[in-house]
Amino acid sequence: MTIAVTTPTGHVGSHVARLLVQAGLRPRLLLRDPGRLDAGLRDRAELAVGDLRDPGYVAAATRDVAAVLWVHPDDWSLADSDADAERTADGLATAMHESRIPRVVLQSSIGAELRHGAGFIDGLARVEQRLDAARDQTGAALLHLRCGYFMTNLLGELDRLRAGQLVTTRPLDDPLPWVDPYDIAVVATARLLATGWTGRQVQAVHGPADLTWPEAAAALTAATGVPIKAERISDDQQRAALRQAGLPEVAVEGIIGMGVGPHEGFPEQSRSVLTTTPTSLASWAVTHLRPAL
């Protein structure tokens, strides 16, 4: 059984690739730069080098596979990231027709169910819709994994955390599902390997608990030894920080939108045994954040 994995050097894809190897498979890894791949995986996987935005490459790289993990290759510098997401998904949709791919697992996000008004998450909504249409025509099994807030996002906030600040534009008492990307990979791998599911399905990946921002700050304080407090900042303050970091304006607004859009009635799925994964924010922080601080 050959399983194709996109973005195998990313937060989720890297773990999926390793888990498939540990399951005794030789996955087909779709990537642009083999030099970024874990050296231990290179001899244990089939490498298909190319650009996910090239439909011909996607069709060739997914030929004769039993399943595909699809992770959209974000490029936040693009003027129209939503259109880019849809065009890129077209390549996989075409491959689903041509190769009759049996199973597709999409790494999506909570907030994609809103379909618009959630910044960069709107692009994932476009991908979902394009793959839904392909599924309706091909009969493939399709799973949208609606993932919570990645704990790894904190690795991009090290300066603020060192200063004792966990900042957000969201209300501080607004609970959010925090999830370890490794746990997402475990769920995705299980579905890629399983052959008994059919149809179009949505499954959230919520982590072990919904945390308010003060609760998250307390967990990080206990894990790292750094006194950290939650602080709400305005959208304009966040814009200024993102611009100072050198992000283009389109990226600034896309990130702001991710914080604003999902406020009303999300996530779509309530927490259940299917959505709950084990790794706590504190345990993740002990392993990954404390050494970085």
C-alpha atoms as a PDB file:
ATOM      1  CA  MET A   1       0.000   0.000   0.000  1.00  0.00           C
ATOM      2  CA  THR A   2       1.444   3.361  -1.050  1.00  0.00           C
ATOM      3  CA  ILE A   3       0.343   6.460   0.839  1.00  0.00           C
ATOM      4  CA  ALA A   4       1.236   9.944  -0.379  1.00  0.00           C
ATOM      5  CA  VAL A   5       2.157  12.619   2.158  1.00  0.00           C
ATOM      6  CA  THR A   6       2.382  16.305   1.248  1.00  0.00           C
ATOM      7  CA  THR A   7       4.527  18.800   3.200  1.00  0.00           C
ATOM      8  CA  PRO A   8       6.511  15.995   4.903  1.00  0.00           C
ATOM      9  CA  THR A   9       8.815  18.561   6.525  1.00  0.00           C
ATOM     10  CA  GLY A  10       5.933  20.434   8.178  1.00  0.00           C
ATOM     11  CA  HIS A  11       4.554  20.267  11.695  1.00  0.00           C
ATOM     12  CA  VAL A  12       2.061  17.502  10.853  1.00  0.00           C
ATOM     13  CA  GLY A  13       3.419  15.881   7.682  1.00  0.00           C
ATOM     14  CA  SER A  14       6.803  15.138   9.225  1.00  0.00           C
ATOM     15  CA  HIS A  15       5.152  13.091  11.962  1.00  0.00           C
ATOM     16  CA  VAL A  16       2.824  11.320   9.516  1.00  0.00           C
ATOM     17  CA  ALA A  17       5.782  10.284   7.363  1.00  0.00           C
ATOM     18  CA  ARG A  18       7.604   8.829  10.356  1.00  0.00           C
ATOM     19  CA  LEU A  19       4.491   7.048  11.676  1.00  0.00           C
ATOM     20  CA  LEU A  20       3.878   5.413   8.288  1.00  0.00           C
ATOM     21  CA  VAL A  21       7.478   4.207   8.174  1.00  0.00           C
ATOM     22  CA  GLN A  22       7.084   2.818  11.680  1.00  0.00           C
ATOM     23  CA  ALA A  23       3.945   1.013  10.476  1.00  0.00           C
ATOM     24  CA  GLY A  24       6.064  -0.809   7.895  1.00  0.00           C
ATOM     25  CA  LEU A  25       5.161   1.262   4.836  1.00  0.00           C
ATOM     26  CA  ARG A  26       7.303   3.137   2.355  1.00  0.00           C
ATOM     27  CA  PRO A  27       5.352   6.389   1.958  1.00  0.00           C
ATOM     28  CA  ARG A  28       5.591   8.596  -1.103  1.00  0.00           C
ATOM     29  CA  LEU A  29       6.650  12.044   0.078  1.00  0.00           C
ATOM     30  CA  LEU A  30       5.680  15.045  -2.048  1.00  0.00           C
ATOM     31  CA  LEU A  31       8.129  17.857  -1.372  1.00  0.00           C
ATOM     32  CA  ARG A  32      10.053  20.678  -2.989  1.00  0.00           C
ATOM     33  CA  ASP A  33      13.339  20.484  -1.090  1.00  0.00           C
ATOM     34  CA  PRO A  34      14.651  17.021  -0.175  1.00  0.00           C
ATOM     35  CA  GLY A  35      17.450  18.681   1.768  1.00  0.00           C
ATOM     36  CA  ARG A  36      14.968  19.681   4.480  1.00  0.00           C
ATOM     37  CA  LEU A  37      13.781  16.110   5.017  1.00  0.00           C
ATOM     38  CA  ASP A  38      14.844  14.171   8.095  1.00  0.00           C
ATOM     39  CA  ALA A  39      17.917  12.248   6.933  1.00  0.00           C
ATOM     40  CA  GLY A  40      16.649   9.084   8.593  1.00  0.00           C
ATOM     41  CA  LEU A  41      13.582   9.028   6.353  1.00  0.00           C
ATOM     42  CA  ARG A  42      15.277   9.472   2.983  1.00  0.00           C
ATOM     43  CA  ASP A  43      16.129   5.805   2.450  1.00  0.00           C
ATOM     44  CA  ARG A  44      12.808   4.635   3.875  1.00  0.00           C
ATOM     45  CA  ALA A  45      10.494   6.668   1.663  1.00  0.00           C
ATOM     46  CA  GLU A  46       9.865   7.334  -2.002  1.00  0.00           C
ATOM     47  CA  LEU A  47      10.624  10.966  -2.789  1.00  0.00           C
ATOM     48  CA  ALA A  48       8.546  12.795  -5.387  1.00  0.00           C
ATOM     49  CA  VAL A  49      10.132  16.216  -5.852  1.00  0.00           C
ATOM     50  CA  GLY A  50       8.012  19.008  -7.278  1.00  0.00           C
ATOM     51  CA  ASP A  51       5.581  21.845  -6.629  1.00  0.00           C
ATOM     52  CA  LEU A  52       2.088  21.184  -5.289  1.00  0.00           C
ATOM     53  CA  ARG A  53       0.898  24.111  -7.388  1.00  0.00           C
ATOM     54  CA  ASP A  54       1.762  22.125 -10.559  1.00  0.00           C
ATOM     55  CA  PRO A  55      -1.279  19.949 -11.457  1.00  0.00           C
ATOM     56  CA  GLY A  56       0.806  17.664 -13.671  1.00  0.00           C
ATOM     57  CA  TYR A  57       3.217  16.973 -10.857  1.00  0.00           C
ATOM     58  CA  VAL A  58       0.393  16.263  -8.407  1.00  0.00           C
ATOM     59  CA  ALA A  59      -1.274  13.854 -10.848  1.00  0.00           C
ATOM     60  CA  ALA A  60       1.976  11.950 -11.439  1.00  0.00           C
ATOM     61  CA  ALA A  61       2.974  11.911  -7.766  1.00  0.00           C
ATOM     62  CA  THR A  62      -0.380  10.525  -6.604  1.00  0.00           C
ATOM     63  CA  ARG A  63      -0.747   7.859  -9.282  1.00  0.00           C
ATOM     64  CA  ASP A  64      -1.579   4.401  -7.885  1.00  0.00           C
ATOM     65  CA  VAL A  65      -1.692   5.538  -4.268  1.00  0.00           C
ATOM     66  CA  ALA A  66      -4.145   4.158  -1.732  1.00  0.00           C
ATOM     67  CA  ALA A  67      -4.488   7.417   0.190  1.00  0.00           C
ATOM     68  CA  VAL A  68      -3.273  11.020   0.290  1.00  0.00           C
ATOM     69  CA  LEU A  69      -2.625  13.412   3.154  1.00  0.00           C
ATOM     70  CA  TRP A  70      -3.194  16.864   1.672  1.00  0.00           C
ATOM     71  CA  VAL A  71      -1.804  19.914   3.445  1.00  0.00           C
ATOM     72  CA  HIS A  72      -2.187  23.170   1.563  1.00  0.00           C
ATOM     73  CA  PRO A  73       1.237  24.814   1.009  1.00  0.00           C
ATOM     74  CA  ASP A  74       0.616  28.241   2.518  1.00  0.00           C
ATOM     75  CA  ASP A  75       2.183  31.260   0.874  1.00  0.00           C
ATOM     76  CA  TRP A  76       1.021  34.273   2.836  1.00  0.00           C
ATOM     77  CA  SER A  77       2.770  36.700   0.493  1.00  0.00           C
ATOM     78  CA  LEU A  78       0.267  36.063  -2.319  1.00  0.00           C
ATOM     79  CA  ALA A  79      -2.204  38.799  -3.132  1.00  0.00           C
ATOM     80  CA  ASP A  80      -5.123  36.337  -3.284  1.00  0.00           C
ATOM     81  CA  SER A  81      -4.414  33.398  -1.005  1.00  0.00           C
ATOM     82  CA  ASP A  82      -7.992  32.097  -1.305  1.00  0.00           C
ATOM     83  CA  ALA A  83      -7.742  31.769  -5.078  1.00  0.00           C
ATOM     84  CA  ASP A  84      -4.318  30.152  -4.712  1.00  0.00           C
ATOM     85  CA  ALA A  85      -5.748  27.571  -2.323  1.00  0.00           C
ATOM     86  CA  GLU A  86      -8.540  26.737  -4.739  1.00  0.00           C
ATOM     87  CA  ARG A  87      -6.202  26.490  -7.740  1.00  0.00           C
ATOM     88  CA  THR A  88      -3.832  24.250  -5.816  1.00  0.00           C
ATOM     89  CA  ALA A  89      -6.706  22.019  -4.700  1.00  0.00           C
ATOM     90  CA  ASP A  90      -7.728  21.720  -8.361  1.00  0.00           C
ATOM     91  CA  GLY A  91      -4.584  19.672  -8.953  1.00  0.00           C
ATOM     92  CA  LEU A  92      -5.586  17.118  -6.337  1.00  0.00           C
ATOM     93  CA  ALA A  93      -9.211  17.161  -7.514  1.00  0.00           C
ATOM     94  CA  THR A  94      -8.040  16.330 -11.039  1.00  0.00           C
ATOM     95  CA  ALA A  95      -5.844  13.552  -9.671  1.00  0.00           C
ATOM     96  CA  MET A  96      -8.818  12.161  -7.743  1.00  0.00           C
ATOM     97  CA  HIS A  97     -10.619  11.829 -11.080  1.00  0.00           C
ATOM     98  CA  GLU A  98      -7.709  10.468 -13.096  1.00  0.00           C
ATOM     99  CA  SER A  99      -6.220   8.099 -10.513  1.00  0.00           C
ATOM    100  CA  ARG A 100      -9.401   7.210  -8.603  1.00  0.00           C
ATOM    101  CA  ILE A 101      -7.631   7.818  -5.295  1.00  0.00           C
ATOM    102  CA  PRO A 102      -9.544   5.794  -2.690  1.00  0.00           C
ATOM    103  CA  ARG A 103      -8.985   7.989   0.400  1.00  0.00           C
ATOM    104  CA  VAL A 104      -8.060  11.633   0.954  1.00  0.00           C
ATOM    105  CA  VAL A 105      -7.367  13.231   4.352  1.00  0.00           C
ATOM    106  CA  LEU A 106      -7.255  17.033   4.373  1.00  0.00           C
ATOM    107  CA  GLN A 107      -5.605  19.013   7.141  1.00  0.00           C
ATOM    108  CA  SER A 108      -8.133  21.796   7.614  1.00  0.00           C
ATOM    109  CA  SER A 109      -8.965  24.043  10.554  1.00  0.00           C
ATOM    110  CA  ILE A 110     -11.734  24.962  12.914  1.00  0.00           C
ATOM    111  CA  GLY A 111     -13.312  28.036  11.393  1.00  0.00           C
ATOM    112  CA  ALA A 112     -13.315  26.591   7.868  1.00  0.00           C
ATOM    113  CA  GLU A 113     -16.988  25.765   8.375  1.00  0.00           C
ATOM    114  CA  LEU A 114     -17.690  29.521   8.367  1.00  0.00           C
ATOM    115  CA  ARG A 115     -16.638  29.552   4.682  1.00  0.00           C
ATOM    116  CA  HIS A 116     -15.700  33.244   4.792  1.00  0.00           C
ATOM    117  CA  GLY A 117     -14.625  35.924   7.238  1.00  0.00           C
ATOM    118  CA  ALA A 118     -11.798  33.981   8.916  1.00  0.00           C
ATOM    119  CA  GLY A 119      -8.703  35.344   7.217  1.00  0.00           C
ATOM    120  CA  PHE A 120      -6.341  32.710   5.857  1.00  0.00           C
ATOM    121  CA  ILE A 121      -8.677  29.965   7.063  1.00  0.00           C
ATOM    122  CA  ASP A 122     -10.981  30.967   4.206  1.00  0.00           C
ATOM    123  CA  GLY A 123      -8.473  29.364   1.842  1.00  0.00           C
ATOM    124  CA  LEU A 124      -8.924  26.025   3.600  1.00  0.00           C
ATOM    125  CA  ALA A 125     -12.680  26.428   3.193  1.00  0.00           C
ATOM    126  CA  ARG A 126     -12.095  26.762  -0.560  1.00  0.00           C
ATOM    127  CA  VAL A 127      -9.989  23.594  -0.535  1.00  0.00           C
ATOM    128  CA  GLU A 128     -12.728  21.727   1.345  1.00  0.00           C
ATOM    129  CA  GLN A 129     -15.346  22.798  -1.186  1.00  0.00           C
ATOM    130  CA  ARG A 130     -13.202  21.857  -4.183  1.00  0.00           C
ATOM    131  CA  LEU A 131     -12.430  18.426  -2.777  1.00  0.00           C
ATOM    132  CA  ASP A 132     -16.081  17.934  -1.799  1.00  0.00           C
ATOM    133  CA  ALA A 133     -17.056  18.438  -5.440  1.00  0.00           C
ATOM    134  CA  ALA A 134     -14.423  15.944  -6.578  1.00  0.00           C
ATOM    135  CA  ARG A 135     -15.605  13.433  -3.986  1.00  0.00           C
ATOM    136  CA  ASP A 136     -19.182  13.740  -5.188  1.00  0.00           C
ATOM    137  CA  GLN A 137     -18.023  12.822  -8.692  1.00  0.00           C
ATOM    138  CA  THR A 138     -15.513  10.097  -7.815  1.00  0.00           C
ATOM    139  CA  GLY A 139     -16.961   8.449  -4.712  1.00  0.00           C
ATOM    140  CA  ALA A 140     -13.636   8.721  -2.863  1.00  0.00           C
ATOM    141  CA  ALA A 141     -13.588   8.646   0.915  1.00  0.00           C
ATOM    142  CA  LEU A 142     -12.808  12.198   2.058  1.00  0.00           C
ATOM    143  CA  LEU A 143     -12.030  13.406   5.559  1.00  0.00           C
ATOM    144  CA  HIS A 144     -11.668  17.045   6.618  1.00  0.00           C
ATOM    145  CA  LEU A 145      -9.653  17.264   9.831  1.00  0.00           C
ATOM    146  CA  ARG A 146     -10.746  20.503  11.502  1.00  0.00           C
ATOM    147  CA  CYS A 147      -7.768  21.178  13.738  1.00  0.00           C
ATOM    148  CA  GLY A 148      -7.576  23.423  16.767  1.00  0.00           C
ATOM    149  CA  TYR A 149      -4.960  26.052  17.596  1.00  0.00           C
ATOM    150  CA  PHE A 150      -1.484  24.630  17.068  1.00  0.00           C
ATOM    151  CA  MET A 151       0.673  24.661  20.190  1.00  0.00           C
ATOM    152  CA  THR A 152       3.640  25.153  17.868  1.00  0.00           C
ATOM    153  CA  ASN A 153       2.336  28.653  17.074  1.00  0.00           C
ATOM    154  CA  LEU A 154       3.937  29.649  20.382  1.00  0.00           C
ATOM    155  CA  LEU A 155       7.381  29.051  18.893  1.00  0.00           C
ATOM    156  CA  GLY A 156       6.805  32.174  16.807  1.00  0.00           C
ATOM    157  CA  GLU A 157       6.106  34.227  19.957  1.00  0.00           C
ATOM    158  CA  LEU A 158       9.320  33.573  21.885  1.00  0.00           C
ATOM    159  CA  ASP A 159      10.263  37.216  22.463  1.00  0.00           C
ATOM    160  CA  ARG A 160       6.878  38.047  23.925  1.00  0.00           C
ATOM    161  CA  LEU A 161       6.848  34.909  26.052  1.00  0.00           C
ATOM    162  CA  ARG A 162      10.324  35.692  27.401  1.00  0.00           C
ATOM    163  CA  ALA A 163       8.893  39.049  28.412  1.00  0.00           C
ATOM    164  CA  GLY A 164       6.083  37.258  30.238  1.00  0.00           C
ATOM    165  CA  GLN A 165       3.341  37.999  27.736  1.00  0.00           C
ATOM    166  CA  LEU A 166       0.873  35.652  26.040  1.00  0.00           C
ATOM    167  CA  VAL A 167      -0.999  37.996  23.728  1.00  0.00           C
ATOM    168  CA  THR A 168      -4.182  37.559  21.748  1.00  0.00           C
ATOM    169  CA  THR A 169      -6.761  39.692  20.005  1.00  0.00           C
ATOM    170  CA  ARG A 170      -9.496  37.362  21.238  1.00  0.00           C
ATOM    171  CA  PRO A 171     -11.454  37.864  24.493  1.00  0.00           C
ATOM    172  CA  LEU A 172      -9.346  36.437  27.332  1.00  0.00           C
ATOM    173  CA  ASP A 173     -12.218  34.337  28.648  1.00  0.00           C
ATOM    174  CA  ASP A 174     -12.906  32.822  25.208  1.00  0.00           C
ATOM    175  CA  PRO A 175     -11.818  29.145  25.459  1.00  0.00           C
ATOM    176  CA  LEU A 176      -9.858  27.709  22.571  1.00  0.00           C
ATOM    177  CA  PRO A 177      -8.938  24.096  21.735  1.00  0.00           C
ATOM    178  CA  TRP A 178      -5.121  23.839  21.831  1.00  0.00           C
ATOM    179  CA  VAL A 179      -3.647  20.863  19.968  1.00  0.00           C
ATOM    180  CA  ASP A 180      -0.211  19.315  19.501  1.00  0.00           C
ATOM    181  CA  PRO A 181       0.500  18.743  15.766  1.00  0.00           C
ATOM    182  CA  TYR A 182       1.833  15.293  16.665  1.00  0.00           C
ATOM    183  CA  ASP A 183      -1.631  14.330  17.885  1.00  0.00           C
ATOM    184  CA  ILE A 184      -3.102  15.557  14.590  1.00  0.00           C
ATOM    185  CA  ALA A 185      -0.600  13.330  12.800  1.00  0.00           C
ATOM    186  CA  VAL A 186      -1.693  10.312  14.831  1.00  0.00           C
ATOM    187  CA  VAL A 187      -5.342  10.858  13.885  1.00  0.00           C
ATOM    188  CA  ALA A 188      -4.450  11.468  10.232  1.00  0.00           C
ATOM    189  CA  THR A 189      -2.239   8.385  10.036  1.00  0.00           C
ATOM    190  CA  ALA A 190      -4.921   6.161  11.528  1.00  0.00           C
ATOM    191  CA  ARG A 191      -7.381   7.316   8.861  1.00  0.00           C
ATOM    192  CA  LEU A 192      -4.841   6.987   6.045  1.00  0.00           C
ATOM    193  CA  LEU A 193      -4.186   3.383   7.037  1.00  0.00           C
ATOM    194  CA  ALA A 194      -7.817   2.425   7.677  1.00  0.00           C
ATOM    195  CA  THR A 195      -9.745   1.065   4.711  1.00  0.00           C
ATOM    196  CA  GLY A 196     -13.248   0.691   6.137  1.00  0.00           C
ATOM    197  CA  TRP A 197     -14.530   4.265   6.067  1.00  0.00           C
ATOM    198  CA  THR A 198     -16.421   5.905   3.226  1.00  0.00           C
ATOM    199  CA  GLY A 199     -18.177   9.092   2.203  1.00  0.00           C
ATOM    200  CA  ARG A 200     -17.448  12.679   3.164  1.00  0.00           C
ATOM    201  CA  GLN A 201     -16.624  13.102   6.835  1.00  0.00           C
ATOM    202  CA  VAL A 202     -15.566  15.927   9.141  1.00  0.00           C
ATOM    203  CA  GLN A 203     -13.621  15.234  12.309  1.00  0.00           C
ATOM    204  CA  ALA A 204     -12.308  17.900  14.629  1.00  0.00           C
ATOM    205  CA  VAL A 205      -8.996  17.525  16.445  1.00  0.00           C
ATOM    206  CA  HIS A 206      -9.342  19.529  19.642  1.00  0.00           C
ATOM    207  CA  GLY A 207      -6.480  18.510  21.902  1.00  0.00           C
ATOM    208  CA  PRO A 208      -7.266  17.535  25.506  1.00  0.00           C
ATOM    209  CA  ALA A 209      -8.990  20.710  26.733  1.00  0.00           C
ATOM    210  CA  ASP A 210     -10.422  24.075  25.734  1.00  0.00           C
ATOM    211  CA  LEU A 211      -8.365  26.691  27.556  1.00  0.00           C
ATOM    212  CA  THR A 212      -9.024  30.347  28.208  1.00  0.00           C
ATOM    213  CA  TRP A 213      -5.996  32.538  27.697  1.00  0.00           C
ATOM    214  CA  PRO A 214      -5.296  32.935  31.448  1.00  0.00           C
ATOM    215  CA  GLU A 215      -5.520  29.132  31.788  1.00  0.00           C
ATOM    216  CA  ALA A 216      -3.063  28.721  28.925  1.00  0.00           C
ATOM    217  CA  ALA A 217      -0.723  31.282  30.480  1.00  0.00           C
ATOM    218  CA  ALA A 218      -0.839  29.433  33.810  1.00  0.00           C
ATOM    219  CA  ALA A 219       0.009  26.144  32.100  1.00  0.00           C
ATOM    220  CA  LEU A 220       2.947  27.761  30.301  1.00  0.00           C
ATOM    221  CA  THR A 221       4.191  29.340  33.515  1.00  0.00           C
ATOM    222  CA  ALA A 222       4.164  25.999  35.314  1.00  0.00           C
ATOM    223  CA  ALA A 223       5.884  24.239  32.410  1.00  0.00           C
ATOM    224  CA  THR A 224       8.608  26.770  31.662  1.00  0.00           C
ATOM    225  CA  GLY A 225       9.270  28.512  34.976  1.00  0.00           C
ATOM    226  CA  VAL A 226       8.775  31.868  33.227  1.00  0.00           C
ATOM    227  CA  PRO A 227       5.996  33.980  34.782  1.00  0.00           C
ATOM    228  CA  ILE A 228       3.585  34.491  31.875  1.00  0.00           C
ATOM    229  CA  LYS A 229       0.341  36.469  31.877  1.00  0.00           C
ATOM    230  CA  ALA A 230      -2.356  36.605  29.242  1.00  0.00           C
ATOM    231  CA  GLU A 231      -2.899  40.002  27.663  1.00  0.00           C
ATOM    232  CA  ARG A 232      -5.499  41.081  25.152  1.00  0.00           C
ATOM    233  CA  ILE A 233      -4.301  43.510  22.504  1.00  0.00           C
ATOM    234  CA  SER A 234      -6.246  45.318  19.831  1.00  0.00           C
ATOM    235  CA  ASP A 235      -6.256  44.362  16.179  1.00  0.00           C
ATOM    236  CA  ASP A 236      -4.310  47.532  15.425  1.00  0.00           C
ATOM    237  CA  GLN A 237      -1.638  46.642  17.988  1.00  0.00           C
ATOM    238  CA  GLN A 238      -1.303  43.209  16.401  1.00  0.00           C
ATOM    239  CA  ARG A 239      -1.120  44.781  12.952  1.00  0.00           C
ATOM    240  CA  ALA A 240       1.715  46.995  14.107  1.00  0.00           C
ATOM    241  CA  ALA A 241       3.636  44.044  15.547  1.00  0.00           C
ATOM    242  CA  LEU A 242       3.199  41.983  12.391  1.00  0.00           C
ATOM    243  CA  ARG A 243       4.327  44.864  10.201  1.00  0.00           C
ATOM    244  CA  GLN A 244       7.352  45.399  12.418  1.00  0.00           C
ATOM    245  CA  ALA A 245       8.181  41.724  11.914  1.00  0.00           C
ATOM    246  CA  GLY A 246       8.337  42.412   8.182  1.00  0.00           C
ATOM    247  CA  LEU A 247       5.167  40.680   7.028  1.00  0.00           C
ATOM    248  CA  PRO A 248       3.508  42.002   3.866  1.00  0.00           C
ATOM    249  CA  GLU A 249       0.159  43.722   4.260  1.00  0.00           C
ATOM    250  CA  VAL A 250      -1.787  40.820   2.756  1.00  0.00           C
ATOM    251  CA  ALA A 251      -0.293  38.502   5.378  1.00  0.00           C
ATOM    252  CA  VAL A 252      -1.039  40.956   8.164  1.00  0.00           C
ATOM    253  CA  GLU A 253      -4.734  41.105   7.283  1.00  0.00           C
ATOM    254  CA  GLY A 254      -4.941  37.353   6.747  1.00  0.00           C
ATOM    255  CA  ILE A 255      -3.571  36.699  10.228  1.00  0.00           C
ATOM    256  CA  ILE A 256      -5.832  39.327  11.812  1.00  0.00           C
ATOM    257  CA  GLY A 257      -8.781  37.673  10.083  1.00  0.00           C
ATOM    258  CA  MET A 258      -7.961  34.302  11.626  1.00  0.00           C
ATOM    259  CA  GLY A 259      -8.357  35.843  15.051  1.00  0.00           C
ATOM    260  CA  VAL A 260     -11.528  37.779  14.302  1.00  0.00           C
ATOM    261  CA  GLY A 261     -13.523  35.516  12.007  1.00  0.00           C
ATOM    262  CA  PRO A 262     -14.193  32.469  14.172  1.00  0.00           C
ATOM    263  CA  HIS A 263     -15.576  34.366  17.189  1.00  0.00           C
ATOM    264  CA  GLU A 264     -19.195  33.573  16.406  1.00  0.00           C
ATOM    265  CA  GLY A 265     -20.343  30.017  16.963  1.00  0.00           C
ATOM    266  CA  PHE A 266     -17.209  28.002  16.452  1.00  0.00           C
ATOM    267  CA  PRO A 267     -16.027  25.320  16.458  1.00  0.00           C
ATOM    268  CA  GLU A 268     -18.768  23.545  14.559  1.00  0.00           C
ATOM    269  CA  GLN A 269     -18.211  20.222  16.312  1.00  0.00           C
ATOM    270  CA  SER A 270     -18.530  19.895  20.056  1.00  0.00           C
ATOM    271  CA  ARG A 271     -15.825  18.104  22.008  1.00  0.00           C
ATOM    272  CA  SER A 272     -16.188  14.312  22.108  1.00  0.00           C
ATOM    273  CA  VAL A 273     -14.093  11.169  22.334  1.00  0.00           C
ATOM    274  CA  LEU A 274     -13.522  11.466  18.571  1.00  0.00           C
ATOM    275  CA  THR A 275     -12.131  14.990  18.789  1.00  0.00           C
ATOM    276  CA  THR A 276     -10.138  14.798  22.017  1.00  0.00           C
ATOM    277  CA  THR A 277      -6.407  14.026  21.825  1.00  0.00           C
ATOM    278  CA  PRO A 278      -4.037  13.468  24.750  1.00  0.00           C
ATOM    279  CA  THR A 279      -1.124  15.912  24.751  1.00  0.00           C
ATOM    280  CA  SER A 280      -1.672  18.794  27.167  1.00  0.00           C
ATOM    281  CA  LEU A 281      -0.310  22.280  26.589  1.00  0.00           C
ATOM    282  CA  ALA A 282       1.835  21.954  29.714  1.00  0.00           C
ATOM    283  CA  SER A 283       3.452  18.681  28.632  1.00  0.00           C
ATOM    284  CA  TRP A 284       4.084  20.020  25.125  1.00  0.00           C
ATOM    285  CA  ALA A 285       5.641  23.160  26.600  1.00  0.00           C
ATOM    286  CA  VAL A 286       7.981  21.183  28.865  1.00  0.00           C
ATOM    287  CA  THR A 287       9.357  19.310  25.857  1.00  0.00           C
ATOM    288  CA  HIS A 288       9.362  22.005  23.178  1.00  0.00           C
ATOM    289  CA  LEU A 289       8.926  25.480  24.621  1.00  0.00           C
ATOM    290  CA  ARG A 290      11.026  25.435  27.788  1.00  0.00           C
ATOM    291  CA  PRO A 291      14.274  24.612  25.895  1.00  0.00           C
ATOM    292  CA  ALA A 292      13.555  27.420  23.421  1.00  0.00           C
ATOM    293  CA  LEU A 293      13.032  29.982  26.184  1.00  0.00           C
END
